Amino acid sequence: MATNHNITATSRKVEGKGASRRLRHSGQVPAIVYGAKQEPQNVQVEHNHLWLASQNEWFYSAILDLSVDGKVQKVLLRDMQRHPFKQQILHLDFLRVSENEALRAKVPLHFINQETSPAGKTAGVVVTHELNEVEVSCLPKDLPEFIEVDLAKLALGDIMHMSDIVLPKGVTLPALAHGGKEHDLAIVIAKHARVEVEEEAAPAAAEVPAAKVAKPDAAAPAAPKKK
């Protein structure tokens, strides 16, 4: 059963940088709602409530019930601007979704059974997750909050690709529609852990420059011959 995720907002009339700055100072976050062949609507959301919601994975991939002045709209988060160093959300873009129109959204991958797989139980094997999310296409009602990737049979040398993902009903991966191996990206690789140790070359014998090789002193007298 799908979980409803509710976000409460109120409409706002005033626009501009100055108005947005005043909103942020008052604990509100300016946002815009657009799409579904309707006029864009400027709204504001209480920051603390929004910040708590943003700590959850579903906030970025699930369809949200955005209540604006009591009227609920189905939306997806399309963009979020954060302050570069403060724990503060500066602006949000929400896209309205239509129940009868397919949408595209990025969905996180959840990797399961890695520890109990042959690769996970073999010493010296590293399992790398090449992708942590994929873009899917589906109707809003079919949009998953995440997709599980079962690694129970993963062994040393195995490479899992996007085409190996078991997708929920009604969900497709647009990247695979292009055909060709270059679009079927690797998502998991199991390989040996390699510790590269650079062998130190033995120091070469010091060469003495020719200019510094001792030569007989032409000015020095020759040693007397023994009689």
C-alpha atoms as a PDB file:
ATOM      1  CA  MET A   1       0.000   0.000   0.000  1.00  0.00           C
ATOM      2  CA  ALA A   2       1.399   3.374  -1.038  1.00  0.00           C
ATOM      3  CA  THR A   3       2.226   5.830   1.720  1.00  0.00           C
ATOM      4  CA  ASN A   4       0.939   9.387   1.537  1.00  0.00           C
ATOM      5  CA  HIS A   5       3.544  12.062   2.136  1.00  0.00           C
ATOM      6  CA  ASN A   6       1.996  15.394   3.017  1.00  0.00           C
ATOM      7  CA  ILE A   7       3.555  18.837   2.657  1.00  0.00           C
ATOM      8  CA  THR A   8       1.599  21.933   3.708  1.00  0.00           C
ATOM      9  CA  ALA A   9       2.051  25.255   1.911  1.00  0.00           C
ATOM     10  CA  THR A  10       0.310  28.592   1.518  1.00  0.00           C
ATOM     11  CA  SER A  11       0.060  30.763  -1.564  1.00  0.00           C
ATOM     12  CA  ARG A  12       2.073  33.962  -1.775  1.00  0.00           C
ATOM     13  CA  LYS A  13       1.481  37.067  -3.843  1.00  0.00           C
ATOM     14  CA  VAL A  14       4.716  38.982  -3.390  1.00  0.00           C
ATOM     15  CA  GLU A  15       7.662  38.046  -5.596  1.00  0.00           C
ATOM     16  CA  GLY A  16      11.270  39.178  -5.979  1.00  0.00           C
ATOM     17  CA  LYS A  17      14.565  38.691  -4.174  1.00  0.00           C
ATOM     18  CA  GLY A  18      13.686  41.090  -1.383  1.00  0.00           C
ATOM     19  CA  ALA A  19      10.398  39.343  -0.661  1.00  0.00           C
ATOM     20  CA  SER A  20      12.095  35.924  -0.732  1.00  0.00           C
ATOM     21  CA  ARG A  21      14.738  37.180   1.691  1.00  0.00           C
ATOM     22  CA  ARG A  22      12.082  38.398   4.115  1.00  0.00           C
ATOM     23  CA  LEU A  23      10.286  35.065   3.866  1.00  0.00           C
ATOM     24  CA  ARG A  24      13.445  33.184   4.796  1.00  0.00           C
ATOM     25  CA  HIS A  25      14.062  35.474   7.754  1.00  0.00           C
ATOM     26  CA  SER A  26      10.543  34.667   8.983  1.00  0.00           C
ATOM     27  CA  GLY A  27      11.163  30.894   8.780  1.00  0.00           C
ATOM     28  CA  GLN A  28       9.433  30.288   5.445  1.00  0.00           C
ATOM     29  CA  VAL A  29      10.808  28.851   2.191  1.00  0.00           C
ATOM     30  CA  PRO A  30       9.709  30.295  -1.161  1.00  0.00           C
ATOM     31  CA  ALA A  31       8.671  27.716  -3.738  1.00  0.00           C
ATOM     32  CA  ILE A  32       6.925  27.401  -7.086  1.00  0.00           C
ATOM     33  CA  VAL A  33       4.453  24.800  -8.375  1.00  0.00           C
ATOM     34  CA  TYR A  34       4.124  24.310 -12.139  1.00  0.00           C
ATOM     35  CA  GLY A  35       3.098  21.808 -14.819  1.00  0.00           C
ATOM     36  CA  ALA A  36      -0.038  19.816 -15.737  1.00  0.00           C
ATOM     37  CA  LYS A  37      -1.032  22.575 -18.201  1.00  0.00           C
ATOM     38  CA  GLN A  38      -1.809  24.950 -15.354  1.00  0.00           C
ATOM     39  CA  GLU A  39      -0.435  28.343 -14.458  1.00  0.00           C
ATOM     40  CA  PRO A  40       2.630  28.364 -12.187  1.00  0.00           C
ATOM     41  CA  GLN A  41       1.798  29.169  -8.576  1.00  0.00           C
ATOM     42  CA  ASN A  42       4.078  30.805  -6.021  1.00  0.00           C
ATOM     43  CA  VAL A  43       3.844  29.254  -2.570  1.00  0.00           C
ATOM     44  CA  GLN A  44       5.701  29.220   0.735  1.00  0.00           C
ATOM     45  CA  VAL A  45       6.465  26.328   3.083  1.00  0.00           C
ATOM     46  CA  GLU A  46       7.401  26.381   6.754  1.00  0.00           C
ATOM     47  CA  HIS A  47      11.146  25.696   6.924  1.00  0.00           C
ATOM     48  CA  ASN A  48      11.366  23.418   9.958  1.00  0.00           C
ATOM     49  CA  HIS A  49       8.634  21.120   8.663  1.00  0.00           C
ATOM     50  CA  LEU A  50      10.322  21.098   5.266  1.00  0.00           C
ATOM     51  CA  TRP A  51      13.762  20.423   6.731  1.00  0.00           C
ATOM     52  CA  LEU A  52      12.500  17.346   8.587  1.00  0.00           C
ATOM     53  CA  ALA A  53      10.850  16.045   5.431  1.00  0.00           C
ATOM     54  CA  SER A  54      14.050  16.597   3.435  1.00  0.00           C
ATOM     55  CA  GLN A  55      15.922  14.141   5.691  1.00  0.00           C
ATOM     56  CA  ASN A  56      13.869  11.288   4.200  1.00  0.00           C
ATOM     57  CA  GLU A  57      14.618   9.471   0.972  1.00  0.00           C
ATOM     58  CA  TRP A  58      11.000   9.610  -0.145  1.00  0.00           C
ATOM     59  CA  PHE A  59      11.080  13.413  -0.266  1.00  0.00           C
ATOM     60  CA  TYR A  60      13.203  13.246  -3.426  1.00  0.00           C
ATOM     61  CA  SER A  61      11.564  10.370  -5.301  1.00  0.00           C
ATOM     62  CA  ALA A  62       7.959   9.893  -4.142  1.00  0.00           C
ATOM     63  CA  ILE A  63       4.839  11.717  -5.246  1.00  0.00           C
ATOM     64  CA  LEU A  64       3.969  14.273  -2.591  1.00  0.00           C
ATOM     65  CA  ASP A  65       0.549  15.525  -1.525  1.00  0.00           C
ATOM     66  CA  LEU A  66       1.145  19.274  -1.527  1.00  0.00           C
ATOM     67  CA  SER A  67      -1.685  21.078   0.242  1.00  0.00           C
ATOM     68  CA  VAL A  68      -1.838  24.728  -0.859  1.00  0.00           C
ATOM     69  CA  ASP A  69      -4.418  26.725   1.097  1.00  0.00           C
ATOM     70  CA  GLY A  70      -6.229  23.460   1.810  1.00  0.00           C
ATOM     71  CA  LYS A  71      -6.289  22.240  -1.809  1.00  0.00           C
ATOM     72  CA  VAL A  72      -4.178  19.117  -2.395  1.00  0.00           C
ATOM     73  CA  GLN A  73      -2.048  18.733  -5.527  1.00  0.00           C
ATOM     74  CA  LYS A  74       0.044  15.709  -6.519  1.00  0.00           C
ATOM     75  CA  VAL A  75       3.610  16.895  -7.123  1.00  0.00           C
ATOM     76  CA  LEU A  76       7.199  15.744  -7.504  1.00  0.00           C
ATOM     77  CA  LEU A  77      10.191  17.647  -6.213  1.00  0.00           C
ATOM     78  CA  ARG A  78      12.135  18.852  -9.246  1.00  0.00           C
ATOM     79  CA  ASP A  79      14.721  21.161  -7.723  1.00  0.00           C
ATOM     80  CA  MET A  80      15.919  22.254  -4.296  1.00  0.00           C
ATOM     81  CA  GLN A  81      18.411  25.003  -3.554  1.00  0.00           C
ATOM     82  CA  ARG A  82      20.360  24.799  -0.293  1.00  0.00           C
ATOM     83  CA  HIS A  83      22.513  27.346   1.478  1.00  0.00           C
ATOM     84  CA  PRO A  84      26.197  26.601   0.747  1.00  0.00           C
ATOM     85  CA  PHE A  85      27.110  26.060   4.413  1.00  0.00           C
ATOM     86  CA  LYS A  86      24.041  26.631   6.609  1.00  0.00           C
ATOM     87  CA  GLN A  87      21.398  23.989   7.274  1.00  0.00           C
ATOM     88  CA  GLN A  88      18.892  26.000   5.296  1.00  0.00           C
ATOM     89  CA  ILE A  89      16.694  25.348   2.276  1.00  0.00           C
ATOM     90  CA  LEU A  90      16.471  28.401   0.042  1.00  0.00           C
ATOM     91  CA  HIS A  91      13.991  27.492  -2.707  1.00  0.00           C
ATOM     92  CA  LEU A  92      11.953  24.600  -4.108  1.00  0.00           C
ATOM     93  CA  ASP A  93      10.452  23.668  -7.470  1.00  0.00           C
ATOM     94  CA  PHE A  94       7.479  21.282  -7.483  1.00  0.00           C
ATOM     95  CA  LEU A  95       6.119  19.678 -10.656  1.00  0.00           C
ATOM     96  CA  ARG A  96       2.424  18.815 -10.794  1.00  0.00           C
ATOM     97  CA  VAL A  97       1.711  15.301 -12.046  1.00  0.00           C
ATOM     98  CA  SER A  98      -1.238  14.068 -14.055  1.00  0.00           C
ATOM     99  CA  GLU A  99      -2.643  10.642 -13.229  1.00  0.00           C
ATOM    100  CA  ASN A 100      -2.967   9.715 -16.925  1.00  0.00           C
ATOM    101  CA  GLU A 101       0.413  10.944 -18.143  1.00  0.00           C
ATOM    102  CA  ALA A 102       3.653   9.005 -17.821  1.00  0.00           C
ATOM    103  CA  LEU A 103       6.401  10.790 -15.949  1.00  0.00           C
ATOM    104  CA  ARG A 104      10.120  10.418 -15.525  1.00  0.00           C
ATOM    105  CA  ALA A 105      11.756  10.433 -12.123  1.00  0.00           C
ATOM    106  CA  LYS A 106      14.953   9.259 -10.486  1.00  0.00           C
ATOM    107  CA  VAL A 107      14.436   6.411  -8.042  1.00  0.00           C
ATOM    108  CA  PRO A 108      17.022   5.178  -5.495  1.00  0.00           C
ATOM    109  CA  LEU A 109      18.354   1.625  -5.611  1.00  0.00           C
ATOM    110  CA  HIS A 110      18.365  -0.476  -2.445  1.00  0.00           C
ATOM    111  CA  PHE A 111      20.922  -3.296  -2.544  1.00  0.00           C
ATOM    112  CA  ILE A 112      19.959  -6.341  -0.488  1.00  0.00           C
ATOM    113  CA  ASN A 113      21.624  -9.656   0.480  1.00  0.00           C
ATOM    114  CA  GLN A 114      25.122  -8.420  -0.326  1.00  0.00           C
ATOM    115  CA  GLU A 115      26.618  -9.710   2.926  1.00  0.00           C
ATOM    116  CA  THR A 116      25.284 -13.242   2.372  1.00  0.00           C
ATOM    117  CA  SER A 117      26.237 -13.448  -1.316  1.00  0.00           C
ATOM    118  CA  PRO A 118      29.254 -15.516  -2.486  1.00  0.00           C
ATOM    119  CA  ALA A 119      31.101 -12.273  -3.216  1.00  0.00           C
ATOM    120  CA  GLY A 120      30.176 -10.780   0.131  1.00  0.00           C
ATOM    121  CA  LYS A 121      31.430 -13.836   2.032  1.00  0.00           C
ATOM    122  CA  THR A 122      34.735 -14.104   0.152  1.00  0.00           C
ATOM    123  CA  ALA A 123      37.750 -12.420   1.679  1.00  0.00           C
ATOM    124  CA  GLY A 124      39.522  -9.923  -0.515  1.00  0.00           C
ATOM    125  CA  VAL A 125      36.494  -9.195  -2.705  1.00  0.00           C
ATOM    126  CA  VAL A 126      35.190  -5.660  -3.050  1.00  0.00           C
ATOM    127  CA  VAL A 127      31.599  -5.015  -4.170  1.00  0.00           C
ATOM    128  CA  THR A 128      31.181  -1.556  -5.677  1.00  0.00           C
ATOM    129  CA  HIS A 129      27.856   0.152  -6.374  1.00  0.00           C
ATOM    130  CA  GLU A 130      28.370   2.006  -9.642  1.00  0.00           C
ATOM    131  CA  LEU A 131      24.876   3.557  -9.562  1.00  0.00           C
ATOM    132  CA  ASN A 132      22.746   4.465  -6.563  1.00  0.00           C
ATOM    133  CA  GLU A 133      19.701   5.616  -8.530  1.00  0.00           C
ATOM    134  CA  VAL A 134      18.125   5.171 -11.959  1.00  0.00           C
ATOM    135  CA  GLU A 135      15.673   7.195 -14.014  1.00  0.00           C
ATOM    136  CA  VAL A 136      12.352   5.429 -14.558  1.00  0.00           C
ATOM    137  CA  SER A 137       9.294   6.102 -16.667  1.00  0.00           C
ATOM    138  CA  CYS A 138       5.787   5.175 -15.503  1.00  0.00           C
ATOM    139  CA  LEU A 139       2.364   6.468 -14.563  1.00  0.00           C
ATOM    140  CA  PRO A 140       2.214   8.285 -11.221  1.00  0.00           C
ATOM    141  CA  LYS A 141       0.343   5.401  -9.586  1.00  0.00           C
ATOM    142  CA  ASP A 142       3.172   3.015 -10.488  1.00  0.00           C
ATOM    143  CA  LEU A 143       6.075   5.173  -9.309  1.00  0.00           C
ATOM    144  CA  PRO A 144       8.113   3.219  -6.725  1.00  0.00           C
ATOM    145  CA  GLU A 145       9.822   5.028  -3.849  1.00  0.00           C
ATOM    146  CA  PHE A 146      12.829   2.731  -4.374  1.00  0.00           C
ATOM    147  CA  ILE A 147      13.834  -0.372  -6.324  1.00  0.00           C
ATOM    148  CA  GLU A 148      15.438  -3.376  -4.641  1.00  0.00           C
ATOM    149  CA  VAL A 149      18.418  -5.055  -6.308  1.00  0.00           C
ATOM    150  CA  ASP A 150      18.978  -8.579  -4.988  1.00  0.00           C
ATOM    151  CA  LEU A 151      22.680  -9.465  -4.773  1.00  0.00           C
ATOM    152  CA  ALA A 152      22.166 -12.921  -3.235  1.00  0.00           C
ATOM    153  CA  LYS A 153      23.869 -14.708  -6.170  1.00  0.00           C
ATOM    154  CA  LEU A 154      26.616 -12.159  -6.785  1.00  0.00           C
ATOM    155  CA  ALA A 155      30.012 -13.859  -7.152  1.00  0.00           C
ATOM    156  CA  LEU A 156      33.563 -12.723  -7.804  1.00  0.00           C
ATOM    157  CA  GLY A 157      33.881 -11.323 -11.318  1.00  0.00           C
ATOM    158  CA  ASP A 158      30.154 -10.661 -11.743  1.00  0.00           C
ATOM    159  CA  ILE A 159      28.915  -7.404 -13.226  1.00  0.00           C
ATOM    160  CA  MET A 160      25.238  -6.491 -12.905  1.00  0.00           C
ATOM    161  CA  HIS A 161      23.791  -4.072 -15.443  1.00  0.00           C
ATOM    162  CA  MET A 162      20.678  -1.929 -15.583  1.00  0.00           C
ATOM    163  CA  SER A 163      19.017  -4.624 -17.702  1.00  0.00           C
ATOM    164  CA  ASP A 164      19.393  -7.032 -14.756  1.00  0.00           C
ATOM    165  CA  ILE A 165      17.154  -4.930 -12.498  1.00  0.00           C
ATOM    166  CA  VAL A 166      13.793  -6.536 -11.748  1.00  0.00           C
ATOM    167  CA  LEU A 167      11.376  -3.656 -12.279  1.00  0.00           C
ATOM    168  CA  PRO A 168       7.934  -3.256 -10.715  1.00  0.00           C
ATOM    169  CA  LYS A 169       4.927  -3.630 -12.987  1.00  0.00           C
ATOM    170  CA  GLY A 170       4.380  -0.642 -15.262  1.00  0.00           C
ATOM    171  CA  VAL A 171       7.901   0.721 -14.775  1.00  0.00           C
ATOM    172  CA  THR A 172      10.538   0.999 -17.524  1.00  0.00           C
ATOM    173  CA  LEU A 173      14.059   2.387 -17.817  1.00  0.00           C
ATOM    174  CA  PRO A 174      14.216   5.011 -20.605  1.00  0.00           C
ATOM    175  CA  ALA A 175      17.978   4.536 -20.986  1.00  0.00           C
ATOM    176  CA  LEU A 176      17.481   0.972 -22.233  1.00  0.00           C
ATOM    177  CA  ALA A 177      15.040   2.120 -24.919  1.00  0.00           C
ATOM    178  CA  HIS A 178      17.983   3.524 -26.886  1.00  0.00           C
ATOM    179  CA  GLY A 179      19.454   0.072 -27.332  1.00  0.00           C
ATOM    180  CA  GLY A 180      23.136  -0.677 -27.417  1.00  0.00           C
ATOM    181  CA  LYS A 181      25.462  -1.844 -24.673  1.00  0.00           C
ATOM    182  CA  GLU A 182      26.731   1.671 -24.031  1.00  0.00           C
ATOM    183  CA  HIS A 183      23.361   2.584 -22.493  1.00  0.00           C
ATOM    184  CA  ASP A 184      23.146  -0.569 -20.355  1.00  0.00           C
ATOM    185  CA  LEU A 185      25.328   0.776 -17.556  1.00  0.00           C
ATOM    186  CA  ALA A 186      26.878  -1.363 -14.831  1.00  0.00           C
ATOM    187  CA  ILE A 187      25.251  -0.994 -11.433  1.00  0.00           C
ATOM    188  CA  VAL A 188      27.307  -3.474  -9.351  1.00  0.00           C
ATOM    189  CA  ILE A 189      30.787  -4.957  -9.798  1.00  0.00           C
ATOM    190  CA  ALA A 190      32.428  -7.670  -7.669  1.00  0.00           C
ATOM    191  CA  LYS A 191      36.209  -7.735  -8.013  1.00  0.00           C
ATOM    192  CA  HIS A 192      39.416  -8.511  -6.139  1.00  0.00           C
ATOM    193  CA  ALA A 193      40.738  -5.839  -3.833  1.00  0.00           C
ATOM    194  CA  ARG A 194      44.113  -4.861  -5.202  1.00  0.00           C
ATOM    195  CA  VAL A 195      46.721  -3.267  -3.028  1.00  0.00           C
ATOM    196  CA  GLU A 196      49.163  -1.691  -5.367  1.00  0.00           C
ATOM    197  CA  VAL A 197      52.625  -1.547  -3.861  1.00  0.00           C
ATOM    198  CA  GLU A 198      55.210   0.301  -5.852  1.00  0.00           C
ATOM    199  CA  GLU A 199      58.472  -1.566  -5.853  1.00  0.00           C
ATOM    200  CA  GLU A 200      61.315   0.677  -4.961  1.00  0.00           C
ATOM    201  CA  ALA A 201      64.020   0.428  -7.553  1.00  0.00           C
ATOM    202  CA  ALA A 202      67.507  -0.229  -6.184  1.00  0.00           C
ATOM    203  CA  PRO A 203      69.516   2.984  -6.238  1.00  0.00           C
ATOM    204  CA  ALA A 204      71.828   3.062  -9.203  1.00  0.00           C
ATOM    205  CA  ALA A 205      75.555   3.316  -8.550  1.00  0.00           C
ATOM    206  CA  ALA A 206      76.546   6.919  -8.361  1.00  0.00           C
ATOM    207  CA  GLU A 207      78.299   7.992 -11.476  1.00  0.00           C
ATOM    208  CA  VAL A 208      81.185  10.374 -11.122  1.00  0.00           C
ATOM    209  CA  PRO A 209      81.136  13.072 -13.767  1.00  0.00           C
ATOM    210  CA  ALA A 210      84.035  12.814 -16.164  1.00  0.00           C
ATOM    211  CA  ALA A 211      85.117  16.282 -15.220  1.00  0.00           C
ATOM    212  CA  LYS A 212      85.693  15.145 -11.642  1.00  0.00           C
ATOM    213  CA  VAL A 213      87.756  12.008 -12.437  1.00  0.00           C
ATOM    214  CA  ALA A 214      91.220  12.433 -11.025  1.00  0.00           C
ATOM    215  CA  LYS A 215      93.841  13.028 -13.729  1.00  0.00           C
ATOM    216  CA  PRO A 216      97.649  13.164 -13.443  1.00  0.00           C
ATOM    217  CA  ASP A 217      98.776  16.648 -12.583  1.00  0.00           C
ATOM    218  CA  ALA A 218     100.827  17.830 -15.536  1.00  0.00           C
ATOM    219  CA  ALA A 219     102.596  20.383 -13.336  1.00  0.00           C
ATOM    220  CA  ALA A 220     103.682  17.845 -10.724  1.00  0.00           C
ATOM    221  CA  PRO A 221     107.250  16.443 -11.126  1.00  0.00           C
ATOM    222  CA  ALA A 222     107.538  12.817 -12.150  1.00  0.00           C
ATOM    223  CA  ALA A 223     108.693  10.407  -9.464  1.00  0.00           C
ATOM    224  CA  PRO A 224     112.387   9.635  -9.720  1.00  0.00           C
ATOM    225  CA  LYS A 225     113.300   6.273 -11.217  1.00  0.00           C
ATOM    226  CA  LYS A 226     114.991   3.781  -8.987  1.00  0.00           C
ATOM    227  CA  LYS A 227     118.479   2.954  -9.935  1.00  0.00           C
END
